[in-house]
Amino acid sequence: MAHWRDSARNVKFFIIDFRATFPLLILLFHIRLWTFIFAVLATIFFTLLDRFGFTPIVFLRWLRAYIAGPRKIAQPWWRV
């Protein structure tokens, strides 16, 4: 029996995060070599994200901040 405090945890299929199982579902409906490679790569990607404590939304925010760089300009470039 699960406790109510466990309701906030992410769902896992054995050790794989639930977000990584969606590409495996696509593989079951469209069995080709490229979907197998896509499913394996996506599973590895989402497993690594979970390993480092990121969710996909947090990772995209981190990536956006990384691409934007540390310098933030307060005025638009056309008014400078």
PDB file of N, CA and C in Angstrom:
ATOM      1  N   MET A   1       0.838  -1.178   0.000  1.00  0.00           N
ATOM      2  CA  MET A   1       0.000   0.000   0.000  1.00  0.00           C
ATOM      3  C   MET A   1       0.886   1.246   0.000  1.00  0.00           C
ATOM      4  N   ALA A   2       0.604   2.159  -0.883  1.00  0.00           N
ATOM      5  CA  ALA A   2       1.407   3.370  -1.004  1.00  0.00           C
ATOM      6  C   ALA A   2       0.877   4.444  -0.064  1.00  0.00           C
ATOM      7  N   HIS A   3       1.786   5.239   0.411  1.00  0.00           N
ATOM      8  CA  HIS A   3       1.433   6.340   1.291  1.00  0.00           C
ATOM      9  C   HIS A   3       1.106   7.564   0.443  1.00  0.00           C
ATOM     10  N   TRP A   4       0.368   8.513   0.992  1.00  0.00           N
ATOM     11  CA  TRP A   4      -0.036   9.689   0.226  1.00  0.00           C
ATOM     12  C   TRP A   4       1.160  10.545  -0.139  1.00  0.00           C
ATOM     13  N   ARG A   5       2.250  10.471   0.618  1.00  0.00           N
ATOM     14  CA  ARG A   5       3.437  11.274   0.300  1.00  0.00           C
ATOM     15  C   ARG A   5       4.118  10.789  -0.974  1.00  0.00           C
ATOM     16  N   ASP A   6       3.848   9.574  -1.380  1.00  0.00           N
ATOM     17  CA  ASP A   6       4.433   9.050  -2.604  1.00  0.00           C
ATOM     18  C   ASP A   6       3.689   9.514  -3.856  1.00  0.00           C
ATOM     19  N   SER A   7       2.613  10.244  -3.707  1.00  0.00           N
ATOM     20  CA  SER A   7       1.820  10.653  -4.864  1.00  0.00           C
ATOM     21  C   SER A   7       2.500  11.751  -5.683  1.00  0.00           C
ATOM     22  N   ALA A   8       3.476  12.441  -5.139  1.00  0.00           N
ATOM     23  CA  ALA A   8       4.155  13.508  -5.872  1.00  0.00           C
ATOM     24  C   ALA A   8       5.335  12.989  -6.696  1.00  0.00           C
ATOM     25  N   ARG A   9       5.707  11.752  -6.510  1.00  0.00           N
ATOM     26  CA  ARG A   9       6.841  11.208  -7.248  1.00  0.00           C
ATOM     27  C   ARG A   9       6.460  10.902  -8.686  1.00  0.00           C
ATOM     28  N   ASN A  10       7.468  10.943  -9.544  1.00  0.00           N
ATOM     29  CA  ASN A  10       7.237  10.625 -10.953  1.00  0.00           C
ATOM     30  C   ASN A  10       7.019   9.131 -11.129  1.00  0.00           C
ATOM     31  N   VAL A  11       6.215   8.809 -12.108  1.00  0.00           N
ATOM     32  CA  VAL A  11       5.933   7.412 -12.406  1.00  0.00           C
ATOM     33  C   VAL A  11       7.148   6.815 -13.098  1.00  0.00           C
ATOM     34  N   LYS A  12       7.497   5.589 -12.737  1.00  0.00           N
ATOM     35  CA  LYS A  12       8.625   4.913 -13.357  1.00  0.00           C
ATOM     36  C   LYS A  12       8.191   3.536 -13.834  1.00  0.00           C
ATOM     37  N   PHE A  13       8.734   3.157 -14.980  1.00  0.00           N
ATOM     38  CA  PHE A  13       8.568   1.798 -15.507  1.00  0.00           C
ATOM     39  C   PHE A  13       9.885   1.096 -15.225  1.00  0.00           C
ATOM     40  N   PHE A  14       9.914   0.319 -14.160  1.00  0.00           N
ATOM     41  CA  PHE A  14      11.127  -0.244 -13.581  1.00  0.00           C
ATOM     42  C   PHE A  14      12.048   0.908 -13.197  1.00  0.00           C
ATOM     43  N   ILE A  15      13.139   1.164 -13.932  1.00  0.00           N
ATOM     44  CA  ILE A  15      14.020   2.273 -13.582  1.00  0.00           C
ATOM     45  C   ILE A  15      13.899   3.428 -14.577  1.00  0.00           C
ATOM     46  N   ILE A  16      13.058   3.275 -15.590  1.00  0.00           N
ATOM     47  CA  ILE A  16      12.926   4.276 -16.650  1.00  0.00           C
ATOM     48  C   ILE A  16      11.804   5.245 -16.297  1.00  0.00           C
ATOM     49  N   ASP A  17      12.077   6.531 -16.460  1.00  0.00           N
ATOM     50  CA  ASP A  17      11.093   7.570 -16.197  1.00  0.00           C
ATOM     51  C   ASP A  17       9.932   7.456 -17.187  1.00  0.00           C
ATOM     52  N   PHE A  18       8.743   7.882 -16.784  1.00  0.00           N
ATOM     53  CA  PHE A  18       7.567   7.725 -17.644  1.00  0.00           C
ATOM     54  C   PHE A  18       7.682   8.534 -18.917  1.00  0.00           C
ATOM     55  N   ARG A  19       8.435   9.651 -18.908  1.00  0.00           N
ATOM     56  CA  ARG A  19       8.592  10.433 -20.124  1.00  0.00           C
ATOM     57  C   ARG A  19       9.394   9.680 -21.178  1.00  0.00           C
ATOM     58  N   ALA A  20      10.238   8.771 -20.737  1.00  0.00           N
ATOM     59  CA  ALA A  20      11.063   8.003 -21.672  1.00  0.00           C
ATOM     60  C   ALA A  20      10.307   6.821 -22.270  1.00  0.00           C
ATOM     61  N   THR A  21       9.173   6.472 -21.726  1.00  0.00           N
ATOM     62  CA  THR A  21       8.428   5.337 -22.264  1.00  0.00           C
ATOM     63  C   THR A  21       7.548   5.721 -23.461  1.00  0.00           C
ATOM     64  N   PHE A  22       7.284   6.994 -23.669  1.00  0.00           N
ATOM     65  CA  PHE A  22       6.467   7.413 -24.806  1.00  0.00           C
ATOM     66  C   PHE A  22       7.109   7.053 -26.147  1.00  0.00           C
ATOM     67  N   PRO A  23       8.421   7.287 -26.338  1.00  0.00           N
ATOM     68  CA  PRO A  23       9.025   6.833 -27.604  1.00  0.00           C
ATOM     69  C   PRO A  23       8.966   5.322 -27.781  1.00  0.00           C
ATOM     70  N   LEU A  24       8.982   4.578 -26.692  1.00  0.00           N
ATOM     71  CA  LEU A  24       8.838   3.123 -26.810  1.00  0.00           C
ATOM     72  C   LEU A  24       7.446   2.745 -27.290  1.00  0.00           C
ATOM     73  N   LEU A  25       6.443   3.524 -26.910  1.00  0.00           N
ATOM     74  CA  LEU A  25       5.089   3.302 -27.408  1.00  0.00           C
ATOM     75  C   LEU A  25       5.013   3.577 -28.906  1.00  0.00           C
ATOM     76  N   ILE A  26       5.686   4.623 -29.351  1.00  0.00           N
ATOM     77  CA  ILE A  26       5.743   4.909 -30.786  1.00  0.00           C
ATOM     78  C   ILE A  26       6.405   3.751 -31.519  1.00  0.00           C
ATOM     79  N   LEU A  27       7.450   3.186 -30.922  1.00  0.00           N
ATOM     80  CA  LEU A  27       8.136   2.049 -31.531  1.00  0.00           C
ATOM     81  C   LEU A  27       7.199   0.847 -31.685  1.00  0.00           C
ATOM     82  N   LEU A  28       6.333   0.628 -30.718  1.00  0.00           N
ATOM     83  CA  LEU A  28       5.411  -0.502 -30.809  1.00  0.00           C
ATOM     84  C   LEU A  28       4.408  -0.350 -31.945  1.00  0.00           C
ATOM     85  N   PHE A  29       4.033   0.895 -32.256  1.00  0.00           N
ATOM     86  CA  PHE A  29       3.062   1.109 -33.336  1.00  0.00           C
ATOM     87  C   PHE A  29       3.700   1.227 -34.712  1.00  0.00           C
ATOM     88  N   HIS A  30       4.991   1.595 -34.755  1.00  0.00           N
ATOM     89  CA  HIS A  30       5.669   1.772 -36.043  1.00  0.00           C
ATOM     90  C   HIS A  30       7.047   1.137 -35.925  1.00  0.00           C
ATOM     91  N   ILE A  31       7.129  -0.142 -36.142  1.00  0.00           N
ATOM     92  CA  ILE A  31       8.369  -0.883 -35.930  1.00  0.00           C
ATOM     93  C   ILE A  31       9.255  -0.743 -37.161  1.00  0.00           C
ATOM     94  N   ARG A  32      10.233   0.111 -37.053  1.00  0.00           N
ATOM     95  CA  ARG A  32      11.255   0.326 -38.073  1.00  0.00           C
ATOM     96  C   ARG A  32      12.577   0.543 -37.357  1.00  0.00           C
ATOM     97  N   LEU A  33      13.656   0.495 -38.115  1.00  0.00           N
ATOM     98  CA  LEU A  33      14.972   0.684 -37.512  1.00  0.00           C
ATOM     99  C   LEU A  33      15.132   2.102 -36.982  1.00  0.00           C
ATOM    100  N   TRP A  34      14.666   3.094 -37.754  1.00  0.00           N
ATOM    101  CA  TRP A  34      14.854   4.474 -37.310  1.00  0.00           C
ATOM    102  C   TRP A  34      14.004   4.796 -36.087  1.00  0.00           C
ATOM    103  N   THR A  35      12.830   4.187 -35.940  1.00  0.00           N
ATOM    104  CA  THR A  35      12.051   4.427 -34.722  1.00  0.00           C
ATOM    105  C   THR A  35      12.680   3.718 -33.531  1.00  0.00           C
ATOM    106  N   PHE A  36      13.330   2.581 -33.769  1.00  0.00           N
ATOM    107  CA  PHE A  36      14.050   1.914 -32.693  1.00  0.00           C
ATOM    108  C   PHE A  36      15.207   2.784 -32.212  1.00  0.00           C
ATOM    109  N   ILE A  37      15.979   3.335 -33.157  1.00  0.00           N
ATOM    110  CA  ILE A  37      17.097   4.212 -32.790  1.00  0.00           C
ATOM    111  C   ILE A  37      16.582   5.453 -32.080  1.00  0.00           C
ATOM    112  N   PHE A  38      15.496   6.039 -32.590  1.00  0.00           N
ATOM    113  CA  PHE A  38      14.897   7.207 -31.940  1.00  0.00           C
ATOM    114  C   PHE A  38      14.436   6.885 -30.523  1.00  0.00           C
ATOM    115  N   ALA A  39      13.809   5.740 -30.344  1.00  0.00           N
ATOM    116  CA  ALA A  39      13.317   5.351 -29.018  1.00  0.00           C
ATOM    117  C   ALA A  39      14.463   5.124 -28.045  1.00  0.00           C
ATOM    118  N   VAL A  40      15.521   4.490 -28.516  1.00  0.00           N
ATOM    119  CA  VAL A  40      16.673   4.249 -27.637  1.00  0.00           C
ATOM    120  C   VAL A  40      17.345   5.565 -27.252  1.00  0.00           C
ATOM    121  N   LEU A  41      17.552   6.450 -28.227  1.00  0.00           N
ATOM    122  CA  LEU A  41      18.180   7.739 -27.934  1.00  0.00           C
ATOM    123  C   LEU A  41      17.311   8.601 -27.019  1.00  0.00           C
ATOM    124  N   ALA A  42      16.012   8.613 -27.265  1.00  0.00           N
ATOM    125  CA  ALA A  42      15.118   9.391 -26.409  1.00  0.00           C
ATOM    126  C   ALA A  42      15.070   8.821 -24.998  1.00  0.00           C
ATOM    127  N   THR A  43      15.094   7.506 -24.874  1.00  0.00           N
ATOM    128  CA  THR A  43      15.104   6.874 -23.555  1.00  0.00           C
ATOM    129  C   THR A  43      16.385   7.221 -22.811  1.00  0.00           C
ATOM    130  N   ILE A  44      17.505   7.181 -23.496  1.00  0.00           N
ATOM    131  CA  ILE A  44      18.775   7.557 -22.865  1.00  0.00           C
ATOM    132  C   ILE A  44      18.757   9.024 -22.465  1.00  0.00           C
ATOM    133  N   PHE A  45      18.248   9.898 -23.346  1.00  0.00           N
ATOM    134  CA  PHE A  45      18.185  11.331 -23.048  1.00  0.00           C
ATOM    135  C   PHE A  45      17.330  11.606 -21.816  1.00  0.00           C
ATOM    136  N   PHE A  46      16.125  11.057 -21.768  1.00  0.00           N
ATOM    137  CA  PHE A  46      15.244  11.308 -20.631  1.00  0.00           C
ATOM    138  C   PHE A  46      15.754  10.650 -19.350  1.00  0.00           C
ATOM    139  N   THR A  47      16.443   9.521 -19.477  1.00  0.00           N
ATOM    140  CA  THR A  47      17.028   8.888 -18.306  1.00  0.00           C
ATOM    141  C   THR A  47      18.162   9.739 -17.747  1.00  0.00           C
ATOM    142  N   LEU A  48      18.966  10.329 -18.642  1.00  0.00           N
ATOM    143  CA  LEU A  48      20.028  11.224 -18.178  1.00  0.00           C
ATOM    144  C   LEU A  48      19.453  12.484 -17.543  1.00  0.00           C
ATOM    145  N   LEU A  49      18.391  13.018 -18.115  1.00  0.00           N
ATOM    146  CA  LEU A  49      17.746  14.181 -17.498  1.00  0.00           C
ATOM    147  C   LEU A  49      17.272  13.847 -16.091  1.00  0.00           C
ATOM    148  N   ASP A  50      16.653  12.696 -15.930  1.00  0.00           N
ATOM    149  CA  ASP A  50      16.175  12.285 -14.615  1.00  0.00           C
ATOM    150  C   ASP A  50      17.332  12.044 -13.666  1.00  0.00           C
ATOM    151  N   ARG A  51      18.413  11.517 -14.175  1.00  0.00           N
ATOM    152  CA  ARG A  51      19.592  11.249 -13.346  1.00  0.00           C
ATOM    153  C   ARG A  51      20.179  12.538 -12.773  1.00  0.00           C
ATOM    154  N   PHE A  52      20.181  13.610 -13.587  1.00  0.00           N
ATOM    155  CA  PHE A  52      20.708  14.888 -13.140  1.00  0.00           C
ATOM    156  C   PHE A  52      19.659  15.762 -12.454  1.00  0.00           C
ATOM    157  N   GLY A  53      18.442  15.259 -12.320  1.00  0.00           N
ATOM    158  CA  GLY A  53      17.411  15.986 -11.581  1.00  0.00           C
ATOM    159  C   GLY A  53      16.654  17.018 -12.382  1.00  0.00           C
ATOM    160  N   PHE A  54      16.720  16.946 -13.704  1.00  0.00           N
ATOM    161  CA  PHE A  54      16.003  17.881 -14.563  1.00  0.00           C
ATOM    162  C   PHE A  54      14.691  17.271 -15.028  1.00  0.00           C
ATOM    163  N   THR A  55      13.703  18.126 -15.212  1.00  0.00           N
ATOM    164  CA  THR A  55      12.521  17.756 -15.981  1.00  0.00           C
ATOM    165  C   THR A  55      12.724  18.356 -17.377  1.00  0.00           C
ATOM    166  N   PRO A  56      11.979  17.940 -18.382  1.00  0.00           N
ATOM    167  CA  PRO A  56      12.179  18.529 -19.715  1.00  0.00           C
ATOM    168  C   PRO A  56      11.959  20.045 -19.739  1.00  0.00           C
ATOM    169  N   ILE A  57      10.986  20.551 -18.982  1.00  0.00           N
ATOM    170  CA  ILE A  57      10.741  21.997 -18.950  1.00  0.00           C
ATOM    171  C   ILE A  57      11.916  22.729 -18.309  1.00  0.00           C
ATOM    172  N   VAL A  58      12.421  22.211 -17.203  1.00  0.00           N
ATOM    173  CA  VAL A  58      13.561  22.830 -16.531  1.00  0.00           C
ATOM    174  C   VAL A  58      14.799  22.768 -17.426  1.00  0.00           C
ATOM    175  N   PHE A  59      14.975  21.665 -18.143  1.00  0.00           N
ATOM    176  CA  PHE A  59      16.116  21.555 -19.058  1.00  0.00           C
ATOM    177  C   PHE A  59      16.017  22.579 -20.181  1.00  0.00           C
ATOM    178  N   LEU A  60      14.825  22.768 -20.744  1.00  0.00           N
ATOM    179  CA  LEU A  60      14.667  23.769 -21.806  1.00  0.00           C
ATOM    180  C   LEU A  60      14.908  25.173 -21.291  1.00  0.00           C
ATOM    181  N   ARG A  61      14.496  25.475 -20.061  1.00  0.00           N
ATOM    182  CA  ARG A  61      14.787  26.789 -19.471  1.00  0.00           C
ATOM    183  C   ARG A  61      16.277  26.968 -19.248  1.00  0.00           C
ATOM    184  N   TRP A  62      16.951  25.912 -18.774  1.00  0.00           N
ATOM    185  CA  TRP A  62      18.397  25.974 -18.574  1.00  0.00           C
ATOM    186  C   TRP A  62      19.103  26.175 -19.907  1.00  0.00           C
ATOM    187  N   LEU A  63      18.650  25.462 -20.953  1.00  0.00           N
ATOM    188  CA  LEU A  63      19.255  25.587 -22.276  1.00  0.00           C
ATOM    189  C   LEU A  63      19.064  26.997 -22.840  1.00  0.00           C
ATOM    190  N   ARG A  64      17.885  27.563 -22.646  1.00  0.00           N
ATOM    191  CA  ARG A  64      17.624  28.928 -23.109  1.00  0.00           C
ATOM    192  C   ARG A  64      18.523  29.925 -22.392  1.00  0.00           C
ATOM    193  N   ALA A  65      18.687  29.771 -21.086  1.00  0.00           N
ATOM    194  CA  ALA A  65      19.557  30.661 -20.322  1.00  0.00           C
ATOM    195  C   ALA A  65      21.012  30.478 -20.726  1.00  0.00           C
ATOM    196  N   TYR A  66      21.410  29.254 -21.044  1.00  0.00           N
ATOM    197  CA  TYR A  66      22.785  28.994 -21.477  1.00  0.00           C
ATOM    198  C   TYR A  66      23.057  29.631 -22.837  1.00  0.00           C
ATOM    199  N   ILE A  67      22.114  29.513 -23.747  1.00  0.00           N
ATOM    200  CA  ILE A  67      22.280  30.098 -25.086  1.00  0.00           C
ATOM    201  C   ILE A  67      22.273  31.622 -25.020  1.00  0.00           C
ATOM    202  N   ALA A  68      21.420  32.191 -24.170  1.00  0.00           N
ATOM    203  CA  ALA A  68      21.324  33.641 -24.056  1.00  0.00           C
ATOM    204  C   ALA A  68      22.590  34.245 -23.474  1.00  0.00           C
ATOM    205  N   GLY A  69      23.268  33.513 -22.628  1.00  0.00           N
ATOM    206  CA  GLY A  69      24.518  34.002 -22.052  1.00  0.00           C
ATOM    207  C   GLY A  69      24.292  34.767 -20.759  1.00  0.00           C
ATOM    208  N   PRO A  70      25.393  35.118 -20.098  1.00  0.00           N
ATOM    209  CA  PRO A  70      25.274  35.774 -18.799  1.00  0.00           C
ATOM    210  C   PRO A  70      24.926  37.260 -18.884  1.00  0.00           C
ATOM    211  N   ARG A  71      25.178  37.888 -20.015  1.00  0.00           N
ATOM    212  CA  ARG A  71      24.957  39.328 -20.131  1.00  0.00           C
ATOM    213  C   ARG A  71      23.543  39.608 -20.614  1.00  0.00           C
ATOM    214  N   LYS A  72      22.791  40.343 -19.824  1.00  0.00           N
ATOM    215  CA  LYS A  72      21.423  40.715 -20.187  1.00  0.00           C
ATOM    216  C   LYS A  72      21.367  42.225 -20.424  1.00  0.00           C
ATOM    217  N   ILE A  73      20.896  42.618 -21.575  1.00  0.00           N
ATOM    218  CA  ILE A  73      20.840  44.031 -21.944  1.00  0.00           C
ATOM    219  C   ILE A  73      19.465  44.572 -21.585  1.00  0.00           C
ATOM    220  N   ALA A  74      19.443  45.738 -20.910  1.00  0.00           N
ATOM    221  CA  ALA A  74      18.186  46.294 -20.436  1.00  0.00           C
ATOM    222  C   ALA A  74      17.435  47.039 -21.530  1.00  0.00           C
ATOM    223  N   GLN A  75      18.136  47.550 -22.534  1.00  0.00           N
ATOM    224  CA  GLN A  75      17.479  48.289 -23.604  1.00  0.00           C
ATOM    225  C   GLN A  75      17.580  47.503 -24.907  1.00  0.00           C
ATOM    226  N   PRO A  76      16.591  47.649 -25.778  1.00  0.00           N
ATOM    227  CA  PRO A  76      16.680  46.983 -27.080  1.00  0.00           C
ATOM    228  C   PRO A  76      17.842  47.540 -27.901  1.00  0.00           C
ATOM    229  N   TRP A  77      18.326  46.749 -28.821  1.00  0.00           N
ATOM    230  CA  TRP A  77      19.500  47.147 -29.600  1.00  0.00           C
ATOM    231  C   TRP A  77      19.212  48.345 -30.512  1.00  0.00           C
ATOM    232  N   TRP A  78      17.929  48.559 -30.896  1.00  0.00           N
ATOM    233  CA  TRP A  78      17.630  49.658 -31.813  1.00  0.00           C
ATOM    234  C   TRP A  78      17.538  51.010 -31.107  1.00  0.00           C
ATOM    235  N   ARG A  79      17.501  51.037 -29.772  1.00  0.00           N
ATOM    236  CA  ARG A  79      17.454  52.307 -29.037  1.00  0.00           C
ATOM    237  C   ARG A  79      18.800  52.695 -28.477  1.00  0.00           C
ATOM    238  N   VAL A  80      19.787  51.924 -28.682  1.00  0.00           N
ATOM    239  CA  VAL A  80      21.124  52.224 -28.120  1.00  0.00           C
ATOM    240  C   VAL A  80      21.875  53.133 -29.054  1.00  0.00           C
TER     241      VAL A  80
END
